[in-house]
Amino acid sequence: MANKDDDESDGPPGDKKMPLLEHLIELRQRLIWSALAFFVAFIVCYVFHKQIFSILVAPMNTLPNPEGRRMIFTAPTEAFFTYVKVAAWGAVCISFPIVAGQIWKFVAPGLYQNEKSAFLPFLVATPFMFALGAGFLYFLILPYGLQFFASFEIPRDPNAGAVPIQFEAKMNEYLSFVMALILAFGISFELPVLLVLLCRVGILNPTQLAEKRRYAIVALVTFAAVVTPPDVFSQLALAVPMYALYELSIVIARFLEKRSASDEEDEDEPAPAAGAPAAGTAAAATPVRQPPALYEENDFNLAR
């Protein structure tokens, strides 16, 4: 006779035990779908590689004298491999939602319903915050950064006799510079998602985040110095928004903590019985009766 406990699963309701081989087969299927999505996106992006590269180069038009600007490549294969990197970068951005969906489908069956409801908003917020960080860089930081670097140019002046210096970016170096900044800003804007998630699962709390603010500032500045190019402008452009996001994480974590506490109080408060009057109402509506006297206070009883 089979033991009943062996047939029951220790996982979520409706979950069934799977052997290791079936898990590996499912993992292989998810990886195949993810690789296929990346390959199709890579082909599409390589077809439109010039248009994508033009979008990445568009902030160069904010520099002084945009008509005289140009980009160069010094190796015979530099332009080709630059376009390949552009196509691969675009394929990662396009296929990321599909890859994340495959990861979620592989992990979700092993989670409880409350765990799914807790993690799903953070999964939705992850690509949104990454896109917000990339947009913040592209539209605000990158144009001013390029203008700052181009300010070191020396124009041609026959009277001064100085040798002119003009900013002419290489294709590969410019693309590596922009991709590194996009990756750094996109990852840094995931900071609220990570901190709020850690507070939600109980690993951290808002009080700890507020007390460790000084250490967080040092860590954020160090992170910005590592992931950005070695210049003060890029480091400050990343460290300042990250600190603002850190403070925003504390505010969101405190709000969620108060909301969870109020929900727990509502659950702990007992509900009134059906048909029973509310407390205080019955006391106000029903007059208080005195217990009946054991004997009547008359002259005979008083004499006794």
Protein backbone atom coordinates (compact mmCIF):
# COMPACT_ATOMS: atom_id res chain seq x y z
CA MET A 1 0.00 0.00 0.00
CA ALA A 2 1.48 3.32 -1.01
CA ASN A 3 2.00 5.92 1.65
CA LYS A 4 -0.35 8.87 1.31
CA ASP A 5 2.34 11.34 2.29
CA ASP A 6 4.47 10.24 -0.66
CA ASP A 7 1.71 11.19 -3.12
CA GLU A 8 1.16 14.63 -1.67
CA SER A 9 3.36 17.48 -2.79
CA ASP A 10 5.04 19.82 -0.37
CA GLY A 11 4.73 22.67 -2.85
CA PRO A 12 1.82 24.96 -3.71
CA PRO A 13 -1.72 23.62 -4.10
CA GLY A 14 -2.12 21.86 -7.43
CA ASP A 15 1.63 21.38 -7.77
CA LYS A 16 2.90 17.94 -8.59
CA LYS A 17 6.31 16.46 -8.15
CA MET A 18 8.40 16.16 -11.29
CA PRO A 19 11.53 14.08 -11.74
CA LEU A 20 14.80 15.82 -12.45
CA LEU A 21 14.79 14.74 -16.09
CA GLU A 22 11.46 16.47 -16.76
CA HIS A 23 12.77 19.65 -15.15
CA LEU A 24 15.83 19.55 -17.40
CA ILE A 25 13.66 18.95 -20.46
CA GLU A 26 11.48 21.92 -19.57
CA LEU A 27 14.55 24.07 -18.94
CA ARG A 28 15.93 23.10 -22.35
CA GLN A 29 12.64 24.08 -23.97
CA ARG A 30 12.68 27.50 -22.27
CA LEU A 31 16.28 28.07 -23.34
CA ILE A 32 15.48 27.11 -26.93
CA TRP A 33 12.57 29.57 -27.08
CA SER A 34 14.77 32.31 -25.56
CA ALA A 35 17.61 31.66 -28.01
CA LEU A 36 15.17 31.60 -30.93
CA ALA A 37 13.68 34.94 -29.84
CA PHE A 38 17.16 36.47 -29.63
CA PHE A 39 18.16 35.09 -33.04
CA VAL A 40 15.04 36.45 -34.77
CA ALA A 41 15.48 39.83 -33.08
CA PHE A 42 19.15 39.87 -34.10
CA ILE A 43 18.27 39.30 -37.77
CA VAL A 44 15.66 42.07 -37.69
CA CYS A 45 18.02 44.49 -35.94
CA TYR A 46 20.85 43.79 -38.36
CA VAL A 47 18.57 44.61 -41.27
CA PHE A 48 17.92 48.00 -39.66
CA HIS A 49 21.38 48.42 -38.12
CA LYS A 50 22.02 51.78 -39.78
CA GLN A 51 18.76 53.23 -38.46
CA ILE A 52 19.52 51.98 -34.93
CA PHE A 53 23.04 53.37 -35.07
CA SER A 54 21.67 56.72 -36.28
CA ILE A 55 19.44 56.86 -33.21
CA LEU A 56 22.41 56.23 -30.94
CA VAL A 57 24.47 58.88 -32.74
CA ALA A 58 21.67 61.49 -32.69
CA PRO A 59 22.98 63.23 -29.50
CA MET A 60 26.06 64.22 -31.54
CA ASN A 61 23.81 66.69 -33.36
CA THR A 62 23.59 68.78 -30.16
CA LEU A 63 27.28 69.70 -30.41
CA PRO A 64 28.37 73.05 -31.84
CA ASN A 65 28.80 73.10 -35.62
CA PRO A 66 26.89 69.82 -36.27
CA GLU A 67 27.37 70.16 -40.03
CA GLY A 68 31.10 69.67 -39.70
CA ARG A 69 30.84 66.63 -37.43
CA ARG A 70 31.71 63.16 -38.58
CA MET A 71 32.55 59.72 -37.20
CA ILE A 72 35.50 57.67 -38.36
CA PHE A 73 36.77 54.10 -38.24
CA THR A 74 40.44 53.24 -38.46
CA ALA A 75 40.38 49.46 -38.93
CA PRO A 76 38.98 47.73 -42.04
CA THR A 77 36.61 45.55 -40.01
CA GLU A 78 35.65 48.17 -37.41
CA ALA A 79 32.47 49.34 -39.12
CA PHE A 80 31.20 45.80 -39.72
CA PHE A 81 31.74 44.62 -36.14
CA THR A 82 30.26 47.87 -34.84
CA TYR A 83 27.05 47.17 -36.73
CA VAL A 84 27.09 43.59 -35.40
CA LYS A 85 27.32 44.95 -31.85
CA VAL A 86 24.47 47.34 -32.59
CA ALA A 87 22.32 44.46 -33.84
CA ALA A 88 23.17 42.33 -30.79
CA TRP A 89 22.38 45.21 -28.42
CA GLY A 90 19.04 45.81 -30.12
CA ALA A 91 18.26 42.09 -30.05
CA VAL A 92 18.85 41.97 -26.29
CA CYS A 93 16.47 44.89 -25.74
CA ILE A 94 13.75 43.44 -27.98
CA SER A 95 13.97 39.83 -26.80
CA PHE A 96 14.26 40.62 -23.09
CA PRO A 97 10.47 40.50 -22.43
CA ILE A 98 10.26 37.09 -24.12
CA VAL A 99 13.26 35.75 -22.18
CA ALA A 100 11.85 37.09 -18.92
CA GLY A 101 8.51 35.45 -19.73
CA GLN A 102 10.20 32.10 -20.29
CA ILE A 103 12.02 32.40 -16.97
CA TRP A 104 8.75 33.24 -15.23
CA LYS A 105 6.98 30.26 -16.79
CA PHE A 106 9.75 27.98 -15.55
CA VAL A 107 9.78 29.35 -12.00
CA ALA A 108 6.11 30.26 -11.43
CA PRO A 109 4.71 26.69 -11.03
CA GLY A 110 6.86 26.22 -7.92
CA LEU A 111 5.59 29.37 -6.18
CA TYR A 112 2.60 29.83 -3.92
CA GLN A 113 -0.18 32.19 -4.97
CA ASN A 114 0.86 34.88 -2.47
CA GLU A 115 4.46 34.61 -3.71
CA LYS A 116 3.30 35.05 -7.30
CA SER A 117 1.26 38.13 -6.38
CA ALA A 118 4.27 39.54 -4.48
CA PHE A 119 6.88 39.00 -7.20
CA LEU A 120 4.80 39.76 -10.30
CA PRO A 121 4.63 43.57 -9.79
CA PHE A 122 8.41 43.68 -9.42
CA LEU A 123 8.87 41.67 -12.63
CA VAL A 124 6.65 44.17 -14.45
CA ALA A 125 8.53 47.13 -12.93
CA THR A 126 11.98 45.79 -13.90
CA PRO A 127 11.90 46.53 -17.68
CA PHE A 128 10.01 49.77 -17.04
CA MET A 129 12.69 51.09 -14.66
CA PHE A 130 15.48 49.97 -17.02
CA ALA A 131 13.85 51.86 -19.89
CA LEU A 132 13.38 54.87 -17.62
CA GLY A 133 17.09 54.87 -16.78
CA ALA A 134 18.09 54.53 -20.44
CA GLY A 135 15.73 57.36 -21.42
CA PHE A 136 17.09 59.55 -18.61
CA LEU A 137 20.59 59.06 -19.99
CA TYR A 138 19.70 59.48 -23.66
CA PHE A 139 17.57 62.63 -23.40
CA LEU A 140 19.14 64.46 -20.42
CA ILE A 141 22.64 63.30 -19.52
CA LEU A 142 24.22 62.27 -22.84
CA PRO A 143 23.67 65.54 -24.78
CA TYR A 144 25.15 67.65 -21.96
CA GLY A 145 27.95 65.14 -21.46
CA LEU A 146 28.97 65.30 -25.10
CA GLN A 147 28.87 69.10 -25.00
CA PHE A 148 31.13 69.02 -21.95
CA PHE A 149 33.67 66.77 -23.66
CA ALA A 150 33.52 68.80 -26.87
CA SER A 151 34.30 71.97 -24.93
CA PHE A 152 37.96 70.91 -24.87
CA GLU A 153 38.24 71.53 -28.62
CA ILE A 154 40.61 74.21 -29.85
CA PRO A 155 39.35 76.02 -32.97
CA ARG A 156 41.65 77.13 -35.75
CA ASP A 157 43.05 80.58 -35.06
CA PRO A 158 45.77 81.78 -37.50
CA ASN A 159 46.66 84.74 -35.30
CA ALA A 160 47.23 82.64 -32.16
CA GLY A 161 49.20 79.98 -33.97
CA ALA A 162 47.57 77.18 -31.98
CA VAL A 163 47.09 73.75 -33.50
CA PRO A 164 43.35 73.07 -33.88
CA ILE A 165 41.89 70.15 -31.98
CA GLN A 166 38.55 68.75 -33.13
CA PHE A 167 36.44 66.00 -31.62
CA GLU A 168 36.02 63.14 -34.13
CA ALA A 169 34.67 60.02 -32.44
CA LYS A 170 35.46 56.51 -33.62
CA MET A 171 32.47 54.31 -34.30
CA ASN A 172 33.49 51.48 -32.04
CA GLU A 173 34.61 53.69 -29.15
CA TYR A 174 31.49 55.85 -29.28
CA LEU A 175 29.22 52.81 -29.35
CA SER A 176 31.05 51.18 -26.43
CA PHE A 177 30.80 54.45 -24.50
CA VAL A 178 27.05 54.82 -25.08
CA MET A 179 26.26 51.14 -24.43
CA ALA A 180 28.23 51.19 -21.16
CA LEU A 181 26.33 54.26 -19.98
CA ILE A 182 22.95 52.82 -21.00
CA LEU A 183 23.71 49.60 -19.14
CA ALA A 184 24.94 51.49 -16.07
CA PHE A 185 21.93 53.83 -15.89
CA GLY A 186 19.46 51.04 -16.64
CA ILE A 187 20.84 48.83 -13.86
CA SER A 188 21.08 51.73 -11.40
CA PHE A 189 17.42 52.59 -11.90
CA GLU A 190 16.58 49.07 -10.71
CA LEU A 191 17.70 50.10 -7.21
CA PRO A 192 14.16 50.92 -5.93
CA VAL A 193 12.86 47.59 -7.24
CA LEU A 194 15.62 45.67 -5.45
CA LEU A 195 15.40 47.53 -2.13
CA VAL A 196 11.60 47.49 -1.93
CA LEU A 197 11.59 43.78 -2.76
CA LEU A 198 14.10 43.08 0.02
CA CYS A 199 11.94 45.06 2.43
CA ARG A 200 8.83 43.24 1.25
CA VAL A 201 10.29 39.78 1.96
CA GLY A 202 11.64 40.88 5.34
CA ILE A 203 15.38 40.93 4.68
CA LEU A 204 15.55 44.72 5.14
CA ASN A 205 13.27 47.37 6.58
CA PRO A 206 12.93 51.15 6.04
CA THR A 207 14.54 51.93 9.40
CA GLN A 208 17.70 50.07 8.45
CA LEU A 209 17.84 51.84 5.08
CA ALA A 210 17.55 55.23 6.78
CA GLU A 211 20.16 54.43 9.43
CA LYS A 212 22.69 53.14 6.85
CA ARG A 213 22.32 56.15 4.60
CA ARG A 214 25.95 57.24 5.02
CA TYR A 215 27.27 53.84 4.01
CA ALA A 216 24.84 53.75 1.09
CA ILE A 217 26.23 57.04 -0.25
CA VAL A 218 29.76 55.62 -0.25
CA ALA A 219 28.57 52.42 -1.96
CA LEU A 220 26.63 54.35 -4.62
CA VAL A 221 29.56 56.60 -5.45
CA THR A 222 31.86 53.58 -5.68
CA PHE A 223 29.41 51.77 -7.96
CA ALA A 224 29.13 54.83 -10.20
CA ALA A 225 32.93 55.09 -10.40
CA VAL A 226 33.27 51.43 -11.42
CA VAL A 227 30.55 51.14 -14.08
CA THR A 228 30.95 54.53 -15.77
CA PRO A 229 33.84 55.86 -17.86
CA PRO A 230 36.69 57.41 -15.83
CA ASP A 231 35.46 60.99 -15.76
CA VAL A 232 33.87 63.03 -12.98
CA PHE A 233 30.87 64.12 -15.06
CA SER A 234 29.66 60.58 -15.78
CA GLN A 235 30.21 59.47 -12.20
CA LEU A 236 28.25 62.37 -10.71
CA ALA A 237 25.55 62.04 -13.37
CA LEU A 238 24.95 58.48 -12.17
CA ALA A 239 25.61 58.83 -8.42
CA VAL A 240 23.18 61.72 -7.85
CA PRO A 241 20.12 60.01 -9.43
CA MET A 242 20.97 56.77 -7.61
CA TYR A 243 20.92 58.56 -4.26
CA ALA A 244 17.56 60.12 -5.14
CA LEU A 245 16.27 56.65 -6.00
CA TYR A 246 17.61 55.37 -2.67
CA GLU A 247 15.57 57.96 -0.80
CA LEU A 248 12.55 57.11 -2.95
CA SER A 249 12.97 53.46 -1.99
CA ILE A 250 12.76 54.37 1.71
CA VAL A 251 9.53 56.30 1.14
CA ILE A 252 7.93 53.46 -0.85
CA ALA A 253 9.05 50.83 1.69
CA ARG A 254 7.56 52.83 4.57
CA PHE A 255 4.29 53.24 2.71
CA LEU A 256 4.05 49.51 2.01
CA GLU A 257 4.96 48.71 5.62
CA LYS A 258 2.17 50.92 6.96
CA ARG A 259 -0.25 49.45 4.47
CA SER A 260 0.64 45.89 5.48
CA ALA A 261 0.26 46.78 9.16
CA SER A 262 -3.21 48.28 8.58
CA ASP A 263 -4.28 45.21 6.59
CA GLU A 264 -3.15 42.91 9.41
CA GLU A 265 -5.12 44.97 11.95
CA ASP A 266 -8.23 44.72 9.79
CA GLU A 267 -7.82 40.94 9.59
CA ASP A 268 -7.28 40.57 13.35
CA GLU A 269 -10.38 42.62 14.26
CA PRO A 270 -13.32 40.19 14.80
CA ALA A 271 -16.37 40.79 12.65
CA PRO A 272 -19.76 41.26 14.41
CA ALA A 273 -22.15 38.32 14.36
CA ALA A 274 -24.93 38.32 11.81
CA GLY A 275 -28.08 39.93 13.16
CA ALA A 276 -26.38 41.18 16.33
CA PRO A 277 -26.59 44.91 17.04
CA ALA A 278 -23.41 46.87 17.09
CA ALA A 279 -21.67 47.49 20.37
CA GLY A 280 -22.87 50.69 22.04
CA THR A 281 -26.04 50.82 19.99
CA ALA A 282 -27.77 48.16 22.02
CA ALA A 283 -26.71 49.78 25.26
CA ALA A 284 -28.06 53.10 24.16
CA ALA A 285 -31.35 51.71 22.84
CA THR A 286 -32.14 49.25 25.63
CA PRO A 287 -32.78 50.78 29.08
CA VAL A 288 -30.91 49.31 31.99
CA ARG A 289 -33.22 47.32 34.26
CA GLN A 290 -32.62 47.09 37.97
CA PRO A 291 -32.93 43.66 39.56
CA PRO A 292 -36.25 43.16 41.39
CA ALA A 293 -36.19 43.76 45.13
CA LEU A 294 -36.39 40.73 47.38
CA TYR A 295 -38.97 42.39 49.56
CA GLU A 296 -40.92 45.62 49.62
CA GLU A 297 -39.62 48.37 51.79
CA ASN A 298 -42.69 49.28 53.87
CA ASP A 299 -43.17 50.23 57.45
CA PHE A 300 -43.43 46.60 58.56
CA ASN A 301 -40.08 45.64 57.07
CA LEU A 302 -38.41 48.73 58.42
CA ALA A 303 -39.62 47.89 61.87
CA ARG A 304 -38.06 44.51 61.60
